[in-house]
PDB file of N, CA and C in Angstrom:
ATOM      1  N   ILE A   1     -39.521   4.826 -29.253  1.00  0.00           N
ATOM      2  CA  ILE A   1     -39.994   5.592 -27.613  1.00  0.00           C
ATOM      3  C   ILE A   1     -38.585   5.080 -26.101  1.00  0.00           C
ATOM      4  N   GLU A   2     -38.640   6.018 -26.019  1.00  0.00           N
ATOM      5  CA  GLU A   2     -36.891   5.916 -24.727  1.00  0.00           C
ATOM      6  C   GLU A   2     -37.375   5.806 -23.318  1.00  0.00           C
ATOM      7  N   MET A   3     -36.661   5.288 -22.573  1.00  0.00           N
ATOM      8  CA  MET A   3     -37.013   4.790 -21.546  1.00  0.00           C
ATOM      9  C   MET A   3     -35.964   5.252 -20.494  1.00  0.00           C
ATOM     10  N   ASP A   4     -36.527   5.712 -19.342  1.00  0.00           N
ATOM     11  CA  ASP A   4     -35.190   6.459 -18.286  1.00  0.00           C
ATOM     12  C   ASP A   4     -35.194   5.269 -17.614  1.00  0.00           C
ATOM     13  N   LEU A   5     -33.898   4.491 -16.899  1.00  0.00           N
ATOM     14  CA  LEU A   5     -33.360   3.354 -16.650  1.00  0.00           C
ATOM     15  C   LEU A   5     -32.846   3.915 -15.514  1.00  0.00           C
ATOM     16  N   SER A   6     -32.062   4.954 -15.235  1.00  0.00           N
ATOM     17  CA  SER A   6     -31.720   5.766 -14.183  1.00  0.00           C
ATOM     18  C   SER A   6     -32.337   5.154 -12.979  1.00  0.00           C
ATOM     19  N   LYS A   7     -33.376   5.289 -12.624  1.00  0.00           N
ATOM     20  CA  LYS A   7     -33.740   5.039 -11.404  1.00  0.00           C
ATOM     21  C   LYS A   7     -33.896   3.274 -10.770  1.00  0.00           C
ATOM     22  N   LEU A   8     -33.323   2.163 -11.966  1.00  0.00           N
ATOM     23  CA  LEU A   8     -33.639   0.990 -11.511  1.00  0.00           C
ATOM     24  C   LEU A   8     -32.086   0.793 -10.505  1.00  0.00           C
ATOM     25  N   LYS A   9     -32.733  -0.468  -9.410  1.00  0.00           N
ATOM     26  CA  LYS A   9     -31.741  -1.134  -8.731  1.00  0.00           C
ATOM     27  C   LYS A   9     -31.056  -1.846  -9.835  1.00  0.00           C
ATOM     28  N   PRO A  10     -29.436  -2.216  -9.445  1.00  0.00           N
ATOM     29  CA  PRO A  10     -28.770  -3.115 -10.110  1.00  0.00           C
ATOM     30  C   PRO A  10     -29.343  -4.107  -9.944  1.00  0.00           C
ATOM     31  N   SER A  11     -28.631  -4.894 -11.281  1.00  0.00           N
ATOM     32  CA  SER A  11     -29.488  -6.432 -10.777  1.00  0.00           C
ATOM     33  C   SER A  11     -28.423  -6.981  -9.865  1.00  0.00           C
ATOM     34  N   THR A  12     -29.372  -8.124  -8.645  1.00  0.00           N
ATOM     35  CA  THR A  12     -28.535  -8.691  -8.084  1.00  0.00           C
ATOM     36  C   THR A  12     -28.675  -9.802  -8.674  1.00  0.00           C
ATOM     37  N   GLU A  13     -27.887 -10.720  -7.786  1.00  0.00           N
ATOM     38  CA  GLU A  13     -27.800 -12.424  -7.196  1.00  0.00           C
ATOM     39  C   GLU A  13     -28.054 -13.101  -6.156  1.00  0.00           C
ATOM     40  N   SER A  14     -29.074 -14.156  -5.947  1.00  0.00           N
ATOM     41  CA  SER A  14     -28.549 -15.010  -4.354  1.00  0.00           C
ATOM     42  C   SER A  14     -27.762 -16.004  -4.472  1.00  0.00           C
ATOM     43  N   ILE A  15     -26.762 -15.872  -3.274  1.00  0.00           N
ATOM     44  CA  ILE A  15     -26.046 -16.927  -3.305  1.00  0.00           C
ATOM     45  C   ILE A  15     -26.234 -17.134  -1.928  1.00  0.00           C
ATOM     46  N   SER A  16     -25.748 -18.588  -2.077  1.00  0.00           N
ATOM     47  CA  SER A  16     -25.527 -19.029  -0.507  1.00  0.00           C
ATOM     48  C   SER A  16     -24.391 -19.368   0.078  1.00  0.00           C
ATOM     49  N   LEU A  17     -23.732 -19.036   1.455  1.00  0.00           N
ATOM     50  CA  LEU A  17     -22.472 -18.617   2.058  1.00  0.00           C
ATOM     51  C   LEU A  17     -22.624 -19.467   3.594  1.00  0.00           C
ATOM     52  N   ARG A  18     -21.744 -19.740   3.915  1.00  0.00           N
ATOM     53  CA  ARG A  18     -21.746 -20.418   5.036  1.00  0.00           C
ATOM     54  C   ARG A  18     -20.356 -20.035   6.057  1.00  0.00           C
ATOM     55  N   LEU A  19     -20.889 -19.221   7.045  1.00  0.00           N
ATOM     56  CA  LEU A  19     -20.428 -18.555   7.730  1.00  0.00           C
ATOM     57  C   LEU A  19     -19.663 -19.412   9.027  1.00  0.00           C
ATOM     58  N   PRO A  20     -19.103 -18.813   9.731  1.00  0.00           N
ATOM     59  CA  PRO A  20     -19.420 -19.819  11.489  1.00  0.00           C
ATOM     60  C   PRO A  20     -20.346 -18.845  12.485  1.00  0.00           C
ATOM     61  N   SER A  21     -20.913 -19.776  12.953  1.00  0.00           N
ATOM     62  CA  SER A  21     -21.995 -19.087  13.754  1.00  0.00           C
ATOM     63  C   SER A  21     -21.536 -17.779  14.861  1.00  0.00           C
ATOM     64  N   HIS A  22     -20.783 -18.045  15.420  1.00  0.00           N
ATOM     65  CA  HIS A  22     -20.556 -16.591  15.908  1.00  0.00           C
ATOM     66  C   HIS A  22     -19.721 -15.338  15.021  1.00  0.00           C
ATOM     67  N   MET A  23     -19.156 -15.984  13.977  1.00  0.00           N
ATOM     68  CA  MET A  23     -18.874 -14.507  13.200  1.00  0.00           C
ATOM     69  C   MET A  23     -20.483 -14.154  12.453  1.00  0.00           C
ATOM     70  N   LEU A  24     -21.233 -14.933  12.271  1.00  0.00           N
ATOM     71  CA  LEU A  24     -22.774 -14.243  11.919  1.00  0.00           C
ATOM     72  C   LEU A  24     -23.410 -13.726  13.049  1.00  0.00           C
ATOM     73  N   GLY A  25     -23.514 -14.416  14.501  1.00  0.00           N
ATOM     74  CA  GLY A  25     -23.424 -13.660  15.244  1.00  0.00           C
ATOM     75  C   GLY A  25     -23.019 -12.073  15.507  1.00  0.00           C
ATOM     76  N   ARG A  26     -21.912 -11.666  15.873  1.00  0.00           N
ATOM     77  CA  ARG A  26     -21.375 -10.704  15.763  1.00  0.00           C
ATOM     78  C   ARG A  26     -21.883  -9.687  14.404  1.00  0.00           C
ATOM     79  N   ILE A  27     -22.196 -10.360  13.397  1.00  0.00           N
ATOM     80  CA  ILE A  27     -22.898  -9.541  12.186  1.00  0.00           C
ATOM     81  C   ILE A  27     -23.839  -9.147  12.673  1.00  0.00           C
ATOM     82  N   LYS A  28     -24.616 -10.033  13.368  1.00  0.00           N
ATOM     83  CA  LYS A  28     -25.920  -9.473  13.393  1.00  0.00           C
ATOM     84  C   LYS A  28     -26.341  -8.538  14.738  1.00  0.00           C
ATOM     85  N   GLU A  29     -25.113  -8.808  15.523  1.00  0.00           N
ATOM     86  CA  GLU A  29     -25.062  -7.738  16.798  1.00  0.00           C
ATOM     87  C   GLU A  29     -25.013  -6.317  15.936  1.00  0.00           C
ATOM     88  N   LEU A  30     -24.007  -6.017  15.194  1.00  0.00           N
ATOM     89  CA  LEU A  30     -23.537  -4.860  14.601  1.00  0.00           C
ATOM     90  C   LEU A  30     -24.189  -4.318  13.585  1.00  0.00           C
ATOM     91  N   ALA A  31     -25.076  -5.315  12.970  1.00  0.00           N
ATOM     92  CA  ALA A  31     -26.346  -4.332  12.180  1.00  0.00           C
ATOM     93  C   ALA A  31     -27.015  -3.830  13.118  1.00  0.00           C
ATOM     94  N   ASN A  32     -27.517  -4.804  14.470  1.00  0.00           N
ATOM     95  CA  ASN A  32     -28.833  -4.261  15.181  1.00  0.00           C
ATOM     96  C   ASN A  32     -28.256  -3.562  15.802  1.00  0.00           C
ATOM     97  N   ALA A  33     -26.959  -2.584  15.970  1.00  0.00           N
ATOM     98  CA  ALA A  33     -26.395  -1.895  16.427  1.00  0.00           C
ATOM     99  C   ALA A  33     -26.570  -0.573  15.854  1.00  0.00           C
ATOM    100  N   GLN A  34     -26.516  -0.839  14.313  1.00  0.00           N
ATOM    101  CA  GLN A  34     -26.566   0.206  13.298  1.00  0.00           C
ATOM    102  C   GLN A  34     -27.807   0.252  12.913  1.00  0.00           C
ATOM    103  N   ASP A  35     -28.863  -0.549  13.258  1.00  0.00           N
ATOM    104  CA  ASP A  35     -30.291  -0.548  12.835  1.00  0.00           C
ATOM    105  C   ASP A  35     -30.418  -0.616  11.352  1.00  0.00           C
ATOM    106  N   VAL A  36     -29.654  -1.858  10.536  1.00  0.00           N
ATOM    107  CA  VAL A  36     -29.627  -1.963   9.725  1.00  0.00           C
ATOM    108  C   VAL A  36     -30.198  -3.430   9.645  1.00  0.00           C
ATOM    109  N   PRO A  37     -30.489  -3.613   8.405  1.00  0.00           N
ATOM    110  CA  PRO A  37     -30.201  -5.575   8.050  1.00  0.00           C
ATOM    111  C   PRO A  37     -29.138  -6.112   7.720  1.00  0.00           C
ATOM    112  N   TYR A  38     -28.776  -7.372   8.496  1.00  0.00           N
ATOM    113  CA  TYR A  38     -27.225  -7.303   8.854  1.00  0.00           C
ATOM    114  C   TYR A  38     -27.147  -7.899   7.057  1.00  0.00           C
ATOM    115  N   GLN A  39     -27.821  -7.892   6.331  1.00  0.00           N
ATOM    116  CA  GLN A  39     -26.918  -8.717   4.729  1.00  0.00           C
ATOM    117  C   GLN A  39     -27.069  -7.519   4.358  1.00  0.00           C
ATOM    118  N   SER A  40     -27.638  -6.171   4.265  1.00  0.00           N
ATOM    119  CA  SER A  40     -27.491  -5.007   4.079  1.00  0.00           C
ATOM    120  C   SER A  40     -25.810  -4.694   4.311  1.00  0.00           C
ATOM    121  N   LEU A  41     -25.394  -4.949   5.909  1.00  0.00           N
ATOM    122  CA  LEU A  41     -24.580  -4.412   6.585  1.00  0.00           C
ATOM    123  C   LEU A  41     -22.949  -5.353   6.197  1.00  0.00           C
ATOM    124  N   MET A  42     -23.415  -6.461   5.655  1.00  0.00           N
ATOM    125  CA  MET A  42     -22.755  -7.343   5.023  1.00  0.00           C
ATOM    126  C   MET A  42     -22.405  -7.074   3.623  1.00  0.00           C
ATOM    127  N   LYS A  43     -22.969  -6.580   2.562  1.00  0.00           N
ATOM    128  CA  LYS A  43     -22.636  -5.919   1.533  1.00  0.00           C
ATOM    129  C   LYS A  43     -21.900  -5.052   1.142  1.00  0.00           C
ATOM    130  N   THR A  44     -22.553  -3.961   2.909  1.00  0.00           N
ATOM    131  CA  THR A  44     -21.497  -2.446   2.829  1.00  0.00           C
ATOM    132  C   THR A  44     -20.268  -3.209   3.028  1.00  0.00           C
ATOM    133  N   TYR A  45     -19.990  -4.210   4.404  1.00  0.00           N
ATOM    134  CA  TYR A  45     -18.712  -4.481   4.372  1.00  0.00           C
ATOM    135  C   TYR A  45     -17.593  -5.281   2.858  1.00  0.00           C
ATOM    136  N   LEU A  46     -18.331  -5.865   2.319  1.00  0.00           N
ATOM    137  CA  LEU A  46     -17.663  -6.719   0.967  1.00  0.00           C
ATOM    138  C   LEU A  46     -17.752  -5.478  -0.112  1.00  0.00           C
ATOM    139  N   ALA A  47     -18.111  -4.268  -0.080  1.00  0.00           N
ATOM    140  CA  ALA A  47     -18.250  -3.749  -1.182  1.00  0.00           C
ATOM    141  C   ALA A  47     -16.762  -2.045  -0.670  1.00  0.00           C
ATOM    142  N   ARG A  48     -16.640  -2.337   0.003  1.00  0.00           N
ATOM    143  CA  ARG A  48     -15.299  -1.624   1.147  1.00  0.00           C
ATOM    144  C   ARG A  48     -14.249  -2.230   0.662  1.00  0.00           C
ATOM    145  N   GLN A  49     -14.195  -3.548   1.110  1.00  0.00           N
ATOM    146  CA  GLN A  49     -13.013  -4.468   0.554  1.00  0.00           C
ATOM    147  C   GLN A  49     -12.463  -5.030  -0.464  1.00  0.00           C
ATOM    148  N   ILE A  50     -13.645  -4.429  -1.405  1.00  0.00           N
ATOM    149  CA  ILE A  50     -13.521  -4.984  -3.153  1.00  0.00           C
ATOM    150  C   ILE A  50     -12.530  -3.445  -3.616  1.00  0.00           C
ATOM    151  N   SER A  51     -13.612  -2.346  -2.948  1.00  0.00           N
ATOM    152  CA  SER A  51     -13.372  -0.815  -3.402  1.00  0.00           C
ATOM    153  C   SER A  51     -11.499  -0.496  -2.556  1.00  0.00           C
ATOM    154  N   SER A  52     -11.205  -0.838  -1.645  1.00  0.00           N
ATOM    155  CA  SER A  52      -9.907  -0.961  -1.138  1.00  0.00           C
ATOM    156  C   SER A  52      -9.120  -1.800  -1.833  1.00  0.00           C
ATOM    157  N   GLU A  53      -9.270  -2.348  -2.169  1.00  0.00           N
ATOM    158  CA  GLU A  53      -8.420  -3.726  -2.844  1.00  0.00           C
ATOM    159  C   GLU A  53      -7.967  -3.002  -4.640  1.00  0.00           C
ATOM    160  N   SER A  54      -9.586  -2.763  -4.931  1.00  0.00           N
ATOM    161  CA  SER A  54      -9.176  -2.470  -6.373  1.00  0.00           C
ATOM    162  C   SER A  54      -7.895  -1.192  -6.051  1.00  0.00           C
ATOM    163  N   ARG A  55      -8.490  -0.258  -5.283  1.00  0.00           N
ATOM    164  CA  ARG A  55      -7.248   0.986  -5.247  1.00  0.00           C
ATOM    165  C   ARG A  55      -5.955   0.726  -4.905  1.00  0.00           C
ATOM    166  N   LEU A  56      -5.828  -0.353  -3.789  1.00  0.00           N
ATOM    167  CA  LEU A  56      -4.199  -0.907  -3.766  1.00  0.00           C
ATOM    168  C   LEU A  56      -3.575  -1.519  -5.239  1.00  0.00           C
ATOM    169  N   LYS A  57      -4.582  -1.932  -5.754  1.00  0.00           N
ATOM    170  CA  LYS A  57      -4.120  -2.911  -6.786  1.00  0.00           C
ATOM    171  C   LYS A  57      -3.784  -1.084  -7.896  1.00  0.00           C
ATOM    172  N   ASN A  58      -4.688  -0.220  -8.476  1.00  0.00           N
ATOM    173  CA  ASN A  58      -4.076   0.497  -9.186  1.00  0.00           C
ATOM    174  C   ASN A  58      -3.252   1.482  -8.626  1.00  0.00           C
ATOM    175  N   ALA A  59      -2.904   1.613  -7.334  1.00  0.00           N
ATOM    176  CA  ALA A  59      -1.732   2.282  -6.531  1.00  0.00           C
ATOM    177  C   ALA A  59      -0.595   1.847  -7.219  1.00  0.00           C
ATOM    178  N   GLY A  60      -0.421   0.530  -7.145  1.00  0.00           N
ATOM    179  CA  GLY A  60       0.827  -0.540  -7.787  1.00  0.00           C
ATOM    180  C   GLY A  60       1.582  -0.269  -8.687  1.00  0.00           C
ATOM    181  N   ARG A  61       0.562  -0.101 -10.222  1.00  0.00           N
ATOM    182  CA  ARG A  61       0.864  -0.080 -10.947  1.00  0.00           C
ATOM    183  C   ARG A  61       1.489   0.882 -11.587  1.00  0.00           C
TER     184      ARG A  61
END
């Protein structure tokens, strides 16, 4: 029996992250302006930064 797993979401892990109140407030404002959940916006920001740093690292090889 074969199963198609291509539509499954990647596994996620829950973390606890402490941020300055003003930073979290600003993230929530930006997320609200874009009509997205603030945690989704934070994941987008992190993914962009990781991708950017990976490109820089690979360009320096």
